[in-house]
Amino acid sequence: MGKAVLLVALIALVIYALLRLWEKRSAARLPRRPQHPQVPRPRRVIAPDDDADFLRDLERKRRREKRGEQPKGQQSDPDA
């Protein structure tokens, strides 16, 4: 009985060692990704209300309309 348990343990140990070797070899064959320093990605604007420039321009337009000014580049239309 003791010899059978020892034999099963020995077989399990051999199988474990073979699987570890096989795993290391297959991992060594895989191409590795080049190690580049982390380059920060540009912040992605999801919606107009997340864009600081859009909000700033919107506020300028609102102030101009409140004061009754015309936006730059536009002239008043006398026919309108």
C-alpha atoms as a PDB file:
ATOM      1  CA  MET A   1       0.000   0.000   0.000  1.00  0.00           C
ATOM      2  CA  GLY A   2       2.796   2.441   0.890  1.00  0.00           C
ATOM      3  CA  LYS A   3       4.646   1.627  -2.301  1.00  0.00           C
ATOM      4  CA  ALA A   4       1.517   2.414  -4.397  1.00  0.00           C
ATOM      5  CA  VAL A   5       1.115   5.845  -2.777  1.00  0.00           C
ATOM      6  CA  LEU A   6       4.814   6.567  -3.310  1.00  0.00           C
ATOM      7  CA  LEU A   7       4.544   5.509  -6.963  1.00  0.00           C
ATOM      8  CA  VAL A   8       1.475   7.754  -7.581  1.00  0.00           C
ATOM      9  CA  ALA A   9       3.263  10.696  -5.904  1.00  0.00           C
ATOM     10  CA  LEU A  10       6.359  10.100  -8.030  1.00  0.00           C
ATOM     11  CA  ILE A  11       4.300   9.961 -11.246  1.00  0.00           C
ATOM     12  CA  ALA A  12       2.483  13.159 -10.258  1.00  0.00           C
ATOM     13  CA  LEU A  13       5.813  14.882  -9.580  1.00  0.00           C
ATOM     14  CA  VAL A  14       7.218  13.833 -12.959  1.00  0.00           C
ATOM     15  CA  ILE A  15       4.087  15.015 -14.777  1.00  0.00           C
ATOM     16  CA  TYR A  16       4.238  18.346 -12.914  1.00  0.00           C
ATOM     17  CA  ALA A  17       7.910  18.844 -13.857  1.00  0.00           C
ATOM     18  CA  LEU A  18       7.238  18.012 -17.510  1.00  0.00           C
ATOM     19  CA  LEU A  19       4.323  20.442 -17.686  1.00  0.00           C
ATOM     20  CA  ARG A  20       6.438  23.227 -16.156  1.00  0.00           C
ATOM     21  CA  LEU A  21       9.197  22.652 -18.725  1.00  0.00           C
ATOM     22  CA  TRP A  22       6.689  22.621 -21.571  1.00  0.00           C
ATOM     23  CA  GLU A  23       5.118  25.867 -20.300  1.00  0.00           C
ATOM     24  CA  LYS A  24       8.492  27.638 -20.078  1.00  0.00           C
ATOM     25  CA  ARG A  25       9.484  26.578 -23.583  1.00  0.00           C
ATOM     26  CA  SER A  26       6.202  27.668 -25.140  1.00  0.00           C
ATOM     27  CA  ALA A  27       6.435  31.017 -23.350  1.00  0.00           C
ATOM     28  CA  ALA A  28       9.979  31.514 -24.677  1.00  0.00           C
ATOM     29  CA  ARG A  29       8.764  31.031 -28.267  1.00  0.00           C
ATOM     30  CA  LEU A  30       6.081  33.715 -28.057  1.00  0.00           C
ATOM     31  CA  PRO A  31       7.113  37.042 -29.553  1.00  0.00           C
ATOM     32  CA  ARG A  32       7.529  39.679 -26.900  1.00  0.00           C
ATOM     33  CA  ARG A  33       6.105  43.137 -27.245  1.00  0.00           C
ATOM     34  CA  PRO A  34       8.770  45.832 -27.358  1.00  0.00           C
ATOM     35  CA  GLN A  35       9.198  47.610 -24.080  1.00  0.00           C
ATOM     36  CA  HIS A  36       8.443  51.267 -24.750  1.00  0.00           C
ATOM     37  CA  PRO A  37       7.990  53.839 -22.048  1.00  0.00           C
ATOM     38  CA  GLN A  38       4.362  54.609 -21.442  1.00  0.00           C
ATOM     39  CA  VAL A  39       3.406  57.455 -23.748  1.00  0.00           C
ATOM     40  CA  PRO A  40       0.430  59.327 -22.378  1.00  0.00           C
ATOM     41  CA  ARG A  41      -2.481  59.248 -24.756  1.00  0.00           C
ATOM     42  CA  PRO A  42      -4.091  62.534 -25.686  1.00  0.00           C
ATOM     43  CA  ARG A  43      -7.233  63.190 -23.716  1.00  0.00           C
ATOM     44  CA  ARG A  44     -10.210  62.123 -25.752  1.00  0.00           C
ATOM     45  CA  VAL A  45     -13.080  64.581 -25.989  1.00  0.00           C
ATOM     46  CA  ILE A  46     -16.281  62.617 -25.679  1.00  0.00           C
ATOM     47  CA  ALA A  47     -18.878  65.340 -25.954  1.00  0.00           C
ATOM     48  CA  PRO A  48     -18.866  69.097 -26.603  1.00  0.00           C
ATOM     49  CA  ASP A  49     -19.494  69.825 -22.950  1.00  0.00           C
ATOM     50  CA  ASP A  50     -16.172  68.089 -22.139  1.00  0.00           C
ATOM     51  CA  ASP A  51     -14.216  70.365 -24.500  1.00  0.00           C
ATOM     52  CA  ALA A  52     -12.783  73.370 -22.641  1.00  0.00           C
ATOM     53  CA  ASP A  53     -12.326  75.397 -25.850  1.00  0.00           C
ATOM     54  CA  PHE A  54     -15.926  74.825 -26.876  1.00  0.00           C
ATOM     55  CA  LEU A  55     -17.218  75.901 -23.472  1.00  0.00           C
ATOM     56  CA  ARG A  56     -14.977  78.996 -23.467  1.00  0.00           C
ATOM     57  CA  ASP A  57     -16.217  79.998 -26.944  1.00  0.00           C
ATOM     58  CA  LEU A  58     -19.808  79.392 -25.906  1.00  0.00           C
ATOM     59  CA  GLU A  59     -19.379  81.684 -22.904  1.00  0.00           C
ATOM     60  CA  ARG A  60     -17.849  84.414 -25.097  1.00  0.00           C
ATOM     61  CA  LYS A  61     -20.766  84.207 -27.532  1.00  0.00           C
ATOM     62  CA  ARG A  62     -23.241  84.407 -24.668  1.00  0.00           C
ATOM     63  CA  ARG A  63     -21.559  87.526 -23.262  1.00  0.00           C
ATOM     64  CA  ARG A  64     -21.464  89.176 -26.695  1.00  0.00           C
ATOM     65  CA  GLU A  65     -25.151  88.504 -27.265  1.00  0.00           C
ATOM     66  CA  LYS A  66     -25.929  89.914 -23.850  1.00  0.00           C
ATOM     67  CA  ARG A  67     -24.039  93.130 -24.689  1.00  0.00           C
ATOM     68  CA  GLY A  68     -25.529  93.265 -28.197  1.00  0.00           C
ATOM     69  CA  GLU A  69     -22.213  92.936 -30.034  1.00  0.00           C
ATOM     70  CA  GLN A  70     -21.667  91.150 -33.321  1.00  0.00           C
ATOM     71  CA  PRO A  71     -19.279  88.153 -33.324  1.00  0.00           C
ATOM     72  CA  LYS A  72     -15.941  88.764 -35.069  1.00  0.00           C
ATOM     73  CA  GLY A  73     -15.986  88.159 -38.802  1.00  0.00           C
ATOM     74  CA  GLN A  74     -19.718  88.791 -39.111  1.00  0.00           C
ATOM     75  CA  GLN A  75     -21.244  92.056 -40.209  1.00  0.00           C
ATOM     76  CA  SER A  76     -24.781  93.116 -39.623  1.00  0.00           C
ATOM     77  CA  ASP A  77     -27.069  92.465 -42.587  1.00  0.00           C
ATOM     78  CA  PRO A  78     -29.090  95.577 -43.412  1.00  0.00           C
ATOM     79  CA  ASP A  79     -31.643  93.503 -45.371  1.00  0.00           C
ATOM     80  CA  ALA A  80     -32.473  91.272 -42.406  1.00  0.00           C
END
